[in-house]
PDB file of N, CA and C in Angstrom:
ATOM      1  N   MET A   1       0.821  -1.195   0.000  1.00  0.00           N
ATOM      2  CA  MET A   1       0.000   0.000   0.000  1.00  0.00           C
ATOM      3  C   MET A   1       0.868   1.263   0.000  1.00  0.00           C
ATOM      4  N   ILE A   2       1.925   1.244   0.788  1.00  0.00           N
ATOM      5  CA  ILE A   2       2.795   2.414   0.878  1.00  0.00           C
ATOM      6  C   ILE A   2       3.505   2.667  -0.446  1.00  0.00           C
ATOM      7  N   ILE A   3       3.806   1.593  -1.200  1.00  0.00           N
ATOM      8  CA  ILE A   3       4.462   1.753  -2.494  1.00  0.00           C
ATOM      9  C   ILE A   3       3.518   2.443  -3.473  1.00  0.00           C
ATOM     10  N   ALA A   4       2.237   2.110  -3.428  1.00  0.00           N
ATOM     11  CA  ALA A   4       1.259   2.754  -4.315  1.00  0.00           C
ATOM     12  C   ALA A   4       1.137   4.241  -3.989  1.00  0.00           C
ATOM     13  N   ILE A   5       1.081   4.578  -2.716  1.00  0.00           N
ATOM     14  CA  ILE A   5       0.994   5.983  -2.312  1.00  0.00           C
ATOM     15  C   ILE A   5       2.252   6.733  -2.743  1.00  0.00           C
ATOM     16  N   LEU A   6       3.394   6.118  -2.531  1.00  0.00           N
ATOM     17  CA  LEU A   6       4.660   6.735  -2.924  1.00  0.00           C
ATOM     18  C   LEU A   6       4.749   6.909  -4.443  1.00  0.00           C
ATOM     19  N   ALA A   7       4.260   5.936  -5.209  1.00  0.00           N
ATOM     20  CA  ALA A   7       4.266   6.038  -6.663  1.00  0.00           C
ATOM     21  C   ALA A   7       3.372   7.183  -7.136  1.00  0.00           C
ATOM     22  N   ILE A   8       2.219   7.347  -6.513  1.00  0.00           N
ATOM     23  CA  ILE A   8       1.317   8.445  -6.871  1.00  0.00           C
ATOM     24  C   ILE A   8       1.953   9.792  -6.546  1.00  0.00           C
ATOM     25  N   ILE A   9       2.603   9.877  -5.391  1.00  0.00           N
ATOM     26  CA  ILE A   9       3.273  11.129  -5.014  1.00  0.00           C
ATOM     27  C   ILE A   9       4.379  11.467  -6.009  1.00  0.00           C
ATOM     28  N   VAL A  10       5.177  10.483  -6.397  1.00  0.00           N
ATOM     29  CA  VAL A  10       6.267  10.715  -7.352  1.00  0.00           C
ATOM     30  C   VAL A  10       5.696  11.141  -8.701  1.00  0.00           C
ATOM     31  N   PHE A  11       4.605  10.521  -9.127  1.00  0.00           N
ATOM     32  CA  PHE A  11       3.970  10.908 -10.385  1.00  0.00           C
ATOM     33  C   PHE A  11       3.513  12.367 -10.339  1.00  0.00           C
ATOM     34  N   ILE A  12       2.843  12.737  -9.257  1.00  0.00           N
ATOM     35  CA  ILE A  12       2.321  14.105  -9.123  1.00  0.00           C
ATOM     36  C   ILE A  12       3.456  15.125  -9.039  1.00  0.00           C
ATOM     37  N   ILE A  13       4.531  14.777  -8.354  1.00  0.00           N
ATOM     38  CA  ILE A  13       5.675  15.683  -8.253  1.00  0.00           C
ATOM     39  C   ILE A  13       6.324  15.902  -9.623  1.00  0.00           C
ATOM     40  N   ASN A  14       6.343  14.891 -10.454  1.00  0.00           N
ATOM     41  CA  ASN A  14       7.001  14.992 -11.758  1.00  0.00           C
ATOM     42  C   ASN A  14       6.213  15.775 -12.797  1.00  0.00           C
ATOM     43  N   ILE A  15       4.920  15.936 -12.615  1.00  0.00           N
ATOM     44  CA  ILE A  15       4.116  16.661 -13.603  1.00  0.00           C
ATOM     45  C   ILE A  15       4.600  18.102 -13.793  1.00  0.00           C
ATOM     46  N   PRO A  16       4.742  18.908 -12.719  1.00  0.00           N
ATOM     47  CA  PRO A  16       5.221  20.283 -12.960  1.00  0.00           C
ATOM     48  C   PRO A  16       6.651  20.342 -13.491  1.00  0.00           C
ATOM     49  N   PHE A  17       7.476  19.367 -13.118  1.00  0.00           N
ATOM     50  CA  PHE A  17       8.845  19.367 -13.632  1.00  0.00           C
ATOM     51  C   PHE A  17       8.886  18.989 -15.105  1.00  0.00           C
ATOM     52  N   GLY A  18       8.000  18.109 -15.545  1.00  0.00           N
ATOM     53  CA  GLY A  18       7.890  17.807 -16.968  1.00  0.00           C
ATOM     54  C   GLY A  18       7.369  18.993 -17.750  1.00  0.00           C
ATOM     55  N   TYR A  19       6.444  19.717 -17.141  1.00  0.00           N
ATOM     56  CA  TYR A  19       5.904  20.934 -17.744  1.00  0.00           C
ATOM     57  C   TYR A  19       7.018  21.968 -17.910  1.00  0.00           C
ATOM     58  N   TRP A  20       7.807  22.127 -16.862  1.00  0.00           N
ATOM     59  CA  TRP A  20       8.927  23.070 -16.888  1.00  0.00           C
ATOM     60  C   TRP A  20       9.987  22.631 -17.902  1.00  0.00           C
ATOM     61  N   ARG A  21      10.246  21.326 -17.960  1.00  0.00           N
ATOM     62  CA  ARG A  21      11.267  20.795 -18.866  1.00  0.00           C
ATOM     63  C   ARG A  21      10.927  21.105 -20.317  1.00  0.00           C
ATOM     64  N   LYS A  22       9.669  21.012 -20.669  1.00  0.00           N
ATOM     65  CA  LYS A  22       9.250  21.270 -22.050  1.00  0.00           C
ATOM     66  C   LYS A  22       9.485  22.728 -22.444  1.00  0.00           C
ATOM     67  N   SER A  23       9.426  23.635 -21.485  1.00  0.00           N
ATOM     68  CA  SER A  23       9.592  25.056 -21.807  1.00  0.00           C
ATOM     69  C   SER A  23      11.060  25.483 -21.864  1.00  0.00           C
ATOM     70  N   GLN A  24      11.966  24.592 -21.532  1.00  0.00           N
ATOM     71  CA  GLN A  24      13.391  24.938 -21.508  1.00  0.00           C
ATOM     72  C   GLN A  24      14.105  24.415 -22.745  1.00  0.00           C
ATOM     73  N   LYS A  25      15.217  25.083 -23.084  1.00  0.00           N
ATOM     74  CA  LYS A  25      16.038  24.622 -24.190  1.00  0.00           C
ATOM     75  C   LYS A  25      16.669  23.283 -23.816  1.00  0.00           C
ATOM     76  N   LYS A  26      16.655  22.357 -24.759  1.00  0.00           N
ATOM     77  CA  LYS A  26      17.168  21.019 -24.490  1.00  0.00           C
ATOM     78  C   LYS A  26      18.644  21.065 -24.113  1.00  0.00           C
ATOM     79  N   PHE A  27      18.996  20.330 -23.085  1.00  0.00           N
ATOM     80  CA  PHE A  27      20.340  20.208 -22.532  1.00  0.00           C
ATOM     81  C   PHE A  27      20.854  21.479 -21.873  1.00  0.00           C
ATOM     82  N   SER A  28      19.970  22.414 -21.570  1.00  0.00           N
ATOM     83  CA  SER A  28      20.379  23.592 -20.813  1.00  0.00           C
ATOM     84  C   SER A  28      20.429  23.240 -19.320  1.00  0.00           C
ATOM     85  N   PHE A  29      20.913  24.168 -18.532  1.00  0.00           N
ATOM     86  CA  PHE A  29      21.019  23.923 -17.091  1.00  0.00           C
ATOM     87  C   PHE A  29      19.639  23.721 -16.460  1.00  0.00           C
ATOM     88  N   ASN A  30      18.667  24.547 -16.838  1.00  0.00           N
ATOM     89  CA  ASN A  30      17.312  24.403 -16.297  1.00  0.00           C
ATOM     90  C   ASN A  30      16.671  23.093 -16.738  1.00  0.00           C
ATOM     91  N   TRP A  31      16.928  22.671 -17.967  1.00  0.00           N
ATOM     92  CA  TRP A  31      16.426  21.392 -18.463  1.00  0.00           C
ATOM     93  C   TRP A  31      16.999  20.256 -17.621  1.00  0.00           C
ATOM     94  N   PHE A  32      18.293  20.351 -17.331  1.00  0.00           N
ATOM     95  CA  PHE A  32      18.968  19.364 -16.491  1.00  0.00           C
ATOM     96  C   PHE A  32      18.347  19.329 -15.094  1.00  0.00           C
ATOM     97  N   LEU A  33      18.098  20.510 -14.522  1.00  0.00           N
ATOM     98  CA  LEU A  33      17.492  20.573 -13.187  1.00  0.00           C
ATOM     99  C   LEU A  33      16.080  20.009 -13.170  1.00  0.00           C
ATOM    100  N   SER A  34      15.322  20.254 -14.238  1.00  0.00           N
ATOM    101  CA  SER A  34      13.944  19.776 -14.270  1.00  0.00           C
ATOM    102  C   SER A  34      13.856  18.257 -14.303  1.00  0.00           C
ATOM    103  N   ILE A  35      14.907  17.605 -14.701  1.00  0.00           N
ATOM    104  CA  ILE A  35      14.932  16.144 -14.683  1.00  0.00           C
ATOM    105  C   ILE A  35      15.492  15.622 -13.365  1.00  0.00           C
ATOM    106  N   HIS A  36      16.521  16.264 -12.821  1.00  0.00           N
ATOM    107  CA  HIS A  36      17.233  15.704 -11.684  1.00  0.00           C
ATOM    108  C   HIS A  36      16.701  16.116 -10.315  1.00  0.00           C
ATOM    109  N   ILE A  37      16.039  17.234 -10.199  1.00  0.00           N
ATOM    110  CA  ILE A  37      15.458  17.606  -8.900  1.00  0.00           C
ATOM    111  C   ILE A  37      14.413  16.592  -8.444  1.00  0.00           C
ATOM    112  N   PRO A  38      13.484  16.156  -9.324  1.00  0.00           N
ATOM    113  CA  PRO A  38      12.520  15.161  -8.839  1.00  0.00           C
ATOM    114  C   PRO A  38      13.150  13.806  -8.508  1.00  0.00           C
ATOM    115  N   VAL A  39      14.300  13.503  -9.103  1.00  0.00           N
ATOM    116  CA  VAL A  39      14.993  12.263  -8.732  1.00  0.00           C
ATOM    117  C   VAL A  39      15.428  12.339  -7.270  1.00  0.00           C
ATOM    118  N   ILE A  40      15.990  13.463  -6.884  1.00  0.00           N
ATOM    119  CA  ILE A  40      16.423  13.648  -5.500  1.00  0.00           C
ATOM    120  C   ILE A  40      15.228  13.601  -4.557  1.00  0.00           C
ATOM    121  N   VAL A  41      14.124  14.227  -4.962  1.00  0.00           N
ATOM    122  CA  VAL A  41      12.912  14.211  -4.135  1.00  0.00           C
ATOM    123  C   VAL A  41      12.388  12.785  -3.986  1.00  0.00           C
ATOM    124  N   ALA A  42      12.390  12.017  -5.068  1.00  0.00           N
ATOM    125  CA  ALA A  42      11.910  10.633  -5.010  1.00  0.00           C
ATOM    126  C   ALA A  42      12.789   9.780  -4.087  1.00  0.00           C
ATOM    127  N   ILE A  43      14.088   9.978  -4.158  1.00  0.00           N
ATOM    128  CA  ILE A  43      14.997   9.234  -3.280  1.00  0.00           C
ATOM    129  C   ILE A  43      14.747   9.605  -1.820  1.00  0.00           C
ATOM    130  N   LEU A  44      14.584  10.897  -1.555  1.00  0.00           N
ATOM    131  CA  LEU A  44      14.300  11.335  -0.186  1.00  0.00           C
ATOM    132  C   LEU A  44      12.971  10.768   0.325  1.00  0.00           C
ATOM    133  N   LEU A  45      11.972  10.713  -0.535  1.00  0.00           N
ATOM    134  CA  LEU A  45      10.687  10.133  -0.138  1.00  0.00           C
ATOM    135  C   LEU A  45      10.817   8.653   0.188  1.00  0.00           C
ATOM    136  N   ARG A  46      11.623   7.941  -0.595  1.00  0.00           N
ATOM    137  CA  ARG A  46      11.826   6.514  -0.294  1.00  0.00           C
ATOM    138  C   ARG A  46      12.488   6.332   1.069  1.00  0.00           C
ATOM    139  N   TYR A  47      13.436   7.181   1.401  1.00  0.00           N
ATOM    140  CA  TYR A  47      14.052   7.092   2.720  1.00  0.00           C
ATOM    141  C   TYR A  47      13.092   7.529   3.822  1.00  0.00           C
ATOM    142  N   LEU A  48      12.309   8.548   3.539  1.00  0.00           N
ATOM    143  CA  LEU A  48      11.338   9.029   4.517  1.00  0.00           C
ATOM    144  C   LEU A  48      10.280   7.975   4.842  1.00  0.00           C
ATOM    145  N   PHE A  49       9.794   7.289   3.806  1.00  0.00           N
ATOM    146  CA  PHE A  49       8.793   6.247   4.008  1.00  0.00           C
ATOM    147  C   PHE A  49       9.410   4.905   4.388  1.00  0.00           C
ATOM    148  N   ASP A  50      10.736   4.821   4.398  1.00  0.00           N
ATOM    149  CA  ASP A  50      11.472   3.609   4.759  1.00  0.00           C
ATOM    150  C   ASP A  50      11.023   2.413   3.924  1.00  0.00           C
ATOM    151  N   VAL A  51      11.141   2.561   2.609  1.00  0.00           N
ATOM    152  CA  VAL A  51      10.698   1.534   1.669  1.00  0.00           C
ATOM    153  C   VAL A  51      11.900   0.738   1.193  1.00  0.00           C
ATOM    154  N   GLU A  52      11.751  -0.590   1.176  1.00  0.00           N
ATOM    155  CA  GLU A  52      12.793  -1.463   0.647  1.00  0.00           C
ATOM    156  C   GLU A  52      12.961  -1.223  -0.845  1.00  0.00           C
ATOM    157  N   ILE A  53      14.189  -1.233  -1.315  1.00  0.00           N
ATOM    158  CA  ILE A  53      14.453  -0.991  -2.728  1.00  0.00           C
ATOM    159  C   ILE A  53      14.889  -2.306  -3.373  1.00  0.00           C
ATOM    160  N   ASP A  54      13.994  -2.898  -4.165  1.00  0.00           N
ATOM    161  CA  ASP A  54      14.361  -4.079  -4.947  1.00  0.00           C
ATOM    162  C   ASP A  54      14.240  -3.724  -6.429  1.00  0.00           C
ATOM    163  N   TRP A  55      14.573  -4.641  -7.299  1.00  0.00           N
ATOM    164  CA  TRP A  55      14.622  -4.334  -8.731  1.00  0.00           C
ATOM    165  C   TRP A  55      13.255  -4.007  -9.298  1.00  0.00           C
ATOM    166  N   LEU A  56      12.247  -4.714  -8.887  1.00  0.00           N
ATOM    167  CA  LEU A  56      10.901  -4.445  -9.385  1.00  0.00           C
ATOM    168  C   LEU A  56      10.451  -3.044  -8.979  1.00  0.00           C
ATOM    169  N   PHE A  57      10.783  -2.670  -7.753  1.00  0.00           N
ATOM    170  CA  PHE A  57      10.433  -1.343  -7.256  1.00  0.00           C
ATOM    171  C   PHE A  57      11.171  -0.262  -8.043  1.00  0.00           C
ATOM    172  N   ARG A  58      12.425  -0.483  -8.360  1.00  0.00           N
ATOM    173  CA  ARG A  58      13.197   0.498  -9.145  1.00  0.00           C
ATOM    174  C   ARG A  58      12.615   0.671 -10.539  1.00  0.00           C
ATOM    175  N   ILE A  59      12.259  -0.440 -11.178  1.00  0.00           N
ATOM    176  CA  ILE A  59      11.656  -0.371 -12.507  1.00  0.00           C
ATOM    177  C   ILE A  59      10.321   0.359 -12.453  1.00  0.00           C
ATOM    178  N   LEU A  60       9.524   0.080 -11.441  1.00  0.00           N
ATOM    179  CA  LEU A  60       8.246   0.757 -11.268  1.00  0.00           C
ATOM    180  C   LEU A  60       8.445   2.262 -11.124  1.00  0.00           C
ATOM    181  N   PHE A  61       9.397   2.655 -10.319  1.00  0.00           N
ATOM    182  CA  PHE A  61       9.618   4.083 -10.097  1.00  0.00           C
ATOM    183  C   PHE A  61      10.183   4.786 -11.323  1.00  0.00           C
ATOM    184  N   ILE A  62      11.000   4.114 -12.094  1.00  0.00           N
ATOM    185  CA  ILE A  62      11.499   4.700 -13.335  1.00  0.00           C
ATOM    186  C   ILE A  62      10.339   4.939 -14.300  1.00  0.00           C
ATOM    187  N   LEU A  63       9.430   3.976 -14.397  1.00  0.00           N
ATOM    188  CA  LEU A  63       8.268   4.129 -15.272  1.00  0.00           C
ATOM    189  C   LEU A  63       7.328   5.222 -14.776  1.00  0.00           C
ATOM    190  N   ILE A  64       7.087   5.271 -13.474  1.00  0.00           N
ATOM    191  CA  ILE A  64       6.229   6.306 -12.898  1.00  0.00           C
ATOM    192  C   ILE A  64       6.867   7.683 -13.083  1.00  0.00           C
ATOM    193  N   PHE A  65       8.162   7.759 -12.868  1.00  0.00           N
ATOM    194  CA  PHE A  65       8.889   9.011 -13.054  1.00  0.00           C
ATOM    195  C   PHE A  65       8.745   9.506 -14.489  1.00  0.00           C
ATOM    196  N   ALA A  66       8.987   8.615 -15.455  1.00  0.00           N
ATOM    197  CA  ALA A  66       8.887   8.984 -16.865  1.00  0.00           C
ATOM    198  C   ALA A  66       7.456   9.366 -17.233  1.00  0.00           C
ATOM    199  N   ALA A  67       6.487   8.654 -16.694  1.00  0.00           N
ATOM    200  CA  ALA A  67       5.084   8.965 -16.987  1.00  0.00           C
ATOM    201  C   ALA A  67       4.720  10.363 -16.491  1.00  0.00           C
ATOM    202  N   GLY A  68       5.178  10.732 -15.309  1.00  0.00           N
ATOM    203  CA  GLY A  68       4.916  12.068 -14.779  1.00  0.00           C
ATOM    204  C   GLY A  68       5.574  13.148 -15.628  1.00  0.00           C
ATOM    205  N   GLN A  69       6.809  12.904 -16.058  1.00  0.00           N
ATOM    206  CA  GLN A  69       7.515  13.859 -16.910  1.00  0.00           C
ATOM    207  C   GLN A  69       6.792  14.024 -18.246  1.00  0.00           C
ATOM    208  N   PHE A  70       6.395  12.928 -18.855  1.00  0.00           N
ATOM    209  CA  PHE A  70       5.728  13.006 -20.146  1.00  0.00           C
ATOM    210  C   PHE A  70       4.330  13.604 -20.042  1.00  0.00           C
ATOM    211  N   PHE A  71       3.638  13.355 -18.932  1.00  0.00           N
ATOM    212  CA  PHE A  71       2.325  13.954 -18.745  1.00  0.00           C
ATOM    213  C   PHE A  71       2.445  15.470 -18.589  1.00  0.00           C
ATOM    214  N   GLY A  72       3.455  15.932 -17.861  1.00  0.00           N
ATOM    215  CA  GLY A  72       3.702  17.365 -17.746  1.00  0.00           C
ATOM    216  C   GLY A  72       4.048  17.979 -19.087  1.00  0.00           C
ATOM    217  N   LYS A  73       4.847  17.270 -19.875  1.00  0.00           N
ATOM    218  CA  LYS A  73       5.194  17.723 -21.214  1.00  0.00           C
ATOM    219  C   LYS A  73       3.944  17.803 -22.086  1.00  0.00           C
ATOM    220  N   PHE A  74       3.083  16.815 -21.970  1.00  0.00           N
ATOM    221  CA  PHE A  74       1.829  16.810 -22.726  1.00  0.00           C
ATOM    222  C   PHE A  74       0.952  18.002 -22.335  1.00  0.00           C
ATOM    223  N   LEU A  75       0.862  18.298 -21.047  1.00  0.00           N
ATOM    224  CA  LEU A  75       0.051  19.429 -20.599  1.00  0.00           C
ATOM    225  C   LEU A  75       0.573  20.747 -21.161  1.00  0.00           C
ATOM    226  N   TYR A  76       1.891  20.902 -21.197  1.00  0.00           N
ATOM    227  CA  TYR A  76       2.484  22.122 -21.757  1.00  0.00           C
ATOM    228  C   TYR A  76       2.137  22.244 -23.244  1.00  0.00           C
ATOM    229  N   SER A  77       2.301  21.169 -23.988  1.00  0.00           N
ATOM    230  CA  SER A  77       1.997  21.191 -25.416  1.00  0.00           C
ATOM    231  C   SER A  77       0.512  21.433 -25.652  1.00  0.00           C
ATOM    232  N   TYR A  78      -0.335  20.820 -24.852  1.00  0.00           N
ATOM    233  CA  TYR A  78      -1.779  20.990 -24.989  1.00  0.00           C
ATOM    234  C   TYR A  78      -2.176  22.435 -24.690  1.00  0.00           C
ATOM    235  N   ARG A  79      -1.559  23.018 -23.672  1.00  0.00           N
ATOM    236  CA  ARG A  79      -1.848  24.401 -23.336  1.00  0.00           C
ATOM    237  C   ARG A  79      -1.479  25.339 -24.476  1.00  0.00           C
ATOM    238  N   LEU A  80      -0.335  25.105 -25.106  1.00  0.00           N
ATOM    239  CA  LEU A  80       0.073  25.926 -26.253  1.00  0.00           C
ATOM    240  C   LEU A  80      -0.865  25.724 -27.431  1.00  0.00           C
ATOM    241  N   LYS A  81      -1.290  24.502 -27.628  1.00  0.00           N
ATOM    242  CA  LYS A  81      -2.203  24.210 -28.734  1.00  0.00           C
ATOM    243  C   LYS A  81      -3.532  24.948 -28.538  1.00  0.00           C
ATOM    244  N   ILE A  82      -4.061  24.934 -27.332  1.00  0.00           N
ATOM    245  CA  ILE A  82      -5.304  25.613 -27.028  1.00  0.00           C
ATOM    246  C   ILE A  82      -5.119  27.136 -27.131  1.00  0.00           C
ATOM    247  N   LYS A  83      -3.996  27.630 -26.650  1.00  0.00           N
ATOM    248  CA  LYS A  83      -3.742  29.074 -26.625  1.00  0.00           C
ATOM    249  C   LYS A  83      -3.663  29.645 -28.044  1.00  0.00           C
ATOM    250  N   TYR A  84      -3.048  28.911 -28.951  1.00  0.00           N
ATOM    251  CA  TYR A  84      -2.829  29.444 -30.287  1.00  0.00           C
ATOM    252  C   TYR A  84      -3.798  28.880 -31.330  1.00  0.00           C
ATOM    253  N   SER A  85      -4.793  28.144 -30.912  1.00  0.00           N
ATOM    254  CA  SER A  85      -5.763  27.629 -31.878  1.00  0.00           C
ATOM    255  C   SER A  85      -6.746  28.736 -32.262  1.00  0.00           C
ATOM    256  N   VAL A  86      -7.186  28.674 -33.485  1.00  0.00           N
ATOM    257  CA  VAL A  86      -8.139  29.658 -33.992  1.00  0.00           C
ATOM    258  C   VAL A  86      -9.528  29.084 -33.828  1.00  0.00           C
ATOM    259  N   LEU A  87     -10.402  29.855 -33.188  1.00  0.00           N
ATOM    260  CA  LEU A  87     -11.765  29.377 -32.960  1.00  0.00           C
ATOM    261  C   LEU A  87     -12.664  29.699 -34.106  1.00  0.00           C
TER     262      LEU A  87
END
């Protein structure tokens, strides 16, 4: 149960960072930060919740992390599409 809660928290944390990442120039310092800050937060959350780290858990978190980043990226692109669409 705690792993599911932690996965949801990591997903939600990654959404704004994915949104921010899309607005930055690729491979810039801010782009780098938008990817690596949530990694540090996820690691701290795992220690805070005292969760065992096995391979299945690592794979799950990598997928959840990527899903949050891509969902944030999608929201940024969708917002631009709506903003510049002609009605």
